[in-house]
C-alpha cells in the first residue's frame, strides 16, 4: 500500500527552499536587532525577557504620550476664540 502526501511531489525529508530563505531572513533580523541593541548592552539571545520588557515599556510610554496629545483639552485661549467667533451668530439670532 502506498501513502499519499498532501501535495504532489512533496518529499518531507528534502530541504525546502522557502524554509531555508525564511531561516536566513530570521537570522538576519536577529543580527540586525543585536546591532541596534548592542550599544545599550541588551542582548536578545542572552536576556530575551529583559529586551521584551524594555521594548514594551517604550511602547507604553509612546502610547501614553500619543493619547495625551490627542485628548488635549482646549485652552482658555481656544475657548475665548471660539466664543468670539460665535458672537456674530448670537447677535443675529436675537
C-alpha atoms as a PDB file:
ATOM      1  CA  UNK A   1       0.000   0.000   0.000  1.00  0.00           C
ATOM      2  CA  UNK A   2       1.343   3.497  -0.797  1.00  0.00           C
ATOM      3  CA  UNK A   3       0.958   6.626   1.248  1.00  0.00           C
ATOM      4  CA  UNK A   4      -0.111   9.783  -0.482  1.00  0.00           C
ATOM      5  CA  UNK A   5       1.118  13.160   0.672  1.00  0.00           C
ATOM      6  CA  UNK A   6      -0.896  16.336   0.743  1.00  0.00           C
ATOM      7  CA  UNK A   7       0.897  17.796  -2.285  1.00  0.00           C
ATOM      8  CA  UNK A   8       2.026  16.081  -5.444  1.00  0.00           C
ATOM      9  CA  UNK A   9       5.765  15.520  -5.436  1.00  0.00           C
ATOM     10  CA  UNK A  10       6.269  16.663  -1.820  1.00  0.00           C
ATOM     11  CA  UNK A  11       9.089  14.854  -0.033  1.00  0.00           C
ATOM     12  CA  UNK A  12       9.289  15.767   3.651  1.00  0.00           C
ATOM     13  CA  UNK A  13      12.903  14.609   4.017  1.00  0.00           C
ATOM     14  CA  UNK A  14      14.124  17.081   1.372  1.00  0.00           C
ATOM     15  CA  UNK A  15      15.024  20.670   2.204  1.00  0.00           C
ATOM     16  CA  UNK A  16      12.547  23.327   1.133  1.00  0.00           C
ATOM     17  CA  UNK A  17      13.977  26.483  -0.460  1.00  0.00           C
ATOM     18  CA  UNK A  18      11.353  28.695   1.174  1.00  0.00           C
ATOM     19  CA  UNK A  19      12.135  27.333   4.645  1.00  0.00           C
ATOM     20  CA  UNK A  20      15.832  27.972   4.110  1.00  0.00           C
ATOM     21  CA  UNK A  21      15.123  31.518   2.950  1.00  0.00           C
ATOM     22  CA  UNK A  22      12.845  32.151   5.955  1.00  0.00           C
ATOM     23  CA  UNK A  23      15.508  30.834   8.330  1.00  0.00           C
ATOM     24  CA  UNK A  24      18.117  33.115   6.746  1.00  0.00           C
ATOM     25  CA  UNK A  25      15.804  36.132   6.980  1.00  0.00           C
ATOM     26  CA  UNK A  26      15.079  35.350  10.626  1.00  0.00           C
ATOM     27  CA  UNK A  27      18.762  35.099  11.456  1.00  0.00           C
ATOM     28  CA  UNK A  28      19.435  38.379   9.618  1.00  0.00           C
ATOM     29  CA  UNK A  29      16.660  40.079  11.596  1.00  0.00           C
ATOM     30  CA  UNK A  30      18.139  38.839  14.879  1.00  0.00           C
ATOM     31  CA  UNK A  31      21.584  40.047  13.851  1.00  0.00           C
ATOM     32  CA  UNK A  32      20.226  43.496  12.981  1.00  0.00           C
ATOM     33  CA  UNK A  33      18.376  43.699  16.284  1.00  0.00           C
ATOM     34  CA  UNK A  34      21.571  42.743  18.098  1.00  0.00           C
ATOM     35  CA  UNK A  35      23.419  45.551  16.278  1.00  0.00           C
ATOM     36  CA  UNK A  36      20.795  48.100  17.365  1.00  0.00           C
ATOM     37  CA  UNK A  37      20.704  46.886  20.957  1.00  0.00           C
ATOM     38  CA  UNK A  38      24.442  46.268  21.424  1.00  0.00           C
ATOM     39  CA  UNK A  39      25.221  49.909  22.363  1.00  0.00           C
ATOM     40  CA  UNK A  40      22.601  49.707  25.105  1.00  0.00           C
ATOM     41  CA  UNK A  41      24.052  46.459  26.425  1.00  0.00           C
ATOM     42  CA  UNK A  42      20.981  44.346  25.786  1.00  0.00           C
ATOM     43  CA  UNK A  43      21.304  41.004  24.067  1.00  0.00           C
ATOM     44  CA  UNK A  44      18.257  39.221  22.702  1.00  0.00           C
ATOM     45  CA  UNK A  45      19.929  35.834  22.888  1.00  0.00           C
ATOM     46  CA  UNK A  46      21.219  36.292  26.459  1.00  0.00           C
ATOM     47  CA  UNK A  47      18.291  38.176  28.036  1.00  0.00           C
ATOM     48  CA  UNK A  48      15.180  37.974  25.850  1.00  0.00           C
ATOM     49  CA  UNK A  49      12.702  38.847  28.610  1.00  0.00           C
ATOM     50  CA  UNK A  50      14.641  41.977  29.552  1.00  0.00           C
ATOM     51  CA  UNK A  51      14.642  43.142  25.950  1.00  0.00           C
ATOM     52  CA  UNK A  52      10.894  42.495  25.663  1.00  0.00           C
ATOM     53  CA  UNK A  53      10.272  44.402  28.892  1.00  0.00           C
ATOM     54  CA  UNK A  54      12.305  47.403  27.699  1.00  0.00           C
ATOM     55  CA  UNK A  55      10.590  47.464  24.303  1.00  0.00           C
ATOM     56  CA  UNK A  56       7.183  47.081  25.981  1.00  0.00           C
ATOM     57  CA  UNK A  57       7.949  49.989  28.305  1.00  0.00           C
ATOM     58  CA  UNK A  58       8.991  52.192  25.410  1.00  0.00           C
ATOM     59  CA  UNK A  59       5.833  51.254  23.505  1.00  0.00           C
ATOM     60  CA  UNK A  60       3.676  52.007  26.557  1.00  0.00           C
ATOM     61  CA  UNK A  61       5.307  55.409  27.062  1.00  0.00           C
ATOM     62  CA  UNK A  62       4.893  56.282  23.375  1.00  0.00           C
ATOM     63  CA  UNK A  63       1.224  55.272  23.520  1.00  0.00           C
ATOM     64  CA  UNK A  64       0.632  57.345  26.650  1.00  0.00           C
ATOM     65  CA  UNK A  65       2.209  60.423  25.060  1.00  0.00           C
ATOM     66  CA  UNK A  66       0.149  59.876  21.909  1.00  0.00           C
ATOM     67  CA  UNK A  67      -3.073  59.597  23.937  1.00  0.00           C
ATOM     68  CA  UNK A  68      -2.269  62.749  25.917  1.00  0.00           C
ATOM     69  CA  UNK A  69      -1.613  64.728  22.758  1.00  0.00           C
ATOM     70  CA  UNK A  70      -4.846  63.546  21.106  1.00  0.00           C
ATOM     71  CA  UNK A  71      -7.120  64.036  24.130  1.00  0.00           C
ATOM     72  CA  UNK A  72      -5.882  67.509  24.986  1.00  0.00           C
ATOM     73  CA  UNK A  73      -8.497  69.841  26.495  1.00  0.00           C
ATOM     74  CA  UNK A  74      -8.924  73.166  24.714  1.00  0.00           C
ATOM     75  CA  UNK A  75      -7.012  76.002  26.359  1.00  0.00           C
ATOM     76  CA  UNK A  76      -8.660  79.169  27.657  1.00  0.00           C
ATOM     77  CA  UNK A  77      -7.406  80.982  24.575  1.00  0.00           C
ATOM     78  CA  UNK A  78      -9.073  78.418  22.283  1.00  0.00           C
ATOM     79  CA  UNK A  79     -12.329  78.738  24.244  1.00  0.00           C
ATOM     80  CA  UNK A  80     -12.178  82.552  24.023  1.00  0.00           C
ATOM     81  CA  UNK A  81     -11.561  82.487  20.259  1.00  0.00           C
ATOM     82  CA  UNK A  82     -14.481  80.084  19.799  1.00  0.00           C
ATOM     83  CA  UNK A  83     -16.751  82.319  21.873  1.00  0.00           C
ATOM     84  CA  UNK A  84     -15.703  85.417  19.919  1.00  0.00           C
ATOM     85  CA  UNK A  85     -16.306  83.688  16.594  1.00  0.00           C
ATOM     86  CA  UNK A  86     -19.837  82.729  17.760  1.00  0.00           C
ATOM     87  CA  UNK A  87     -20.781  86.294  18.779  1.00  0.00           C
ATOM     88  CA  UNK A  88     -21.988  87.464  15.318  1.00  0.00           C
ATOM     89  CA  UNK A  89     -24.363  84.485  15.117  1.00  0.00           C
ATOM     90  CA  UNK A  90     -25.671  85.122  18.603  1.00  0.00           C
ATOM     91  CA  UNK A  91     -26.335  88.808  17.823  1.00  0.00           C
ATOM     92  CA  UNK A  92     -28.188  87.982  14.566  1.00  0.00           C
ATOM     93  CA  UNK A  93     -30.269  85.356  16.315  1.00  0.00           C
ATOM     94  CA  UNK A  94     -31.911  87.836  18.707  1.00  0.00           C
END
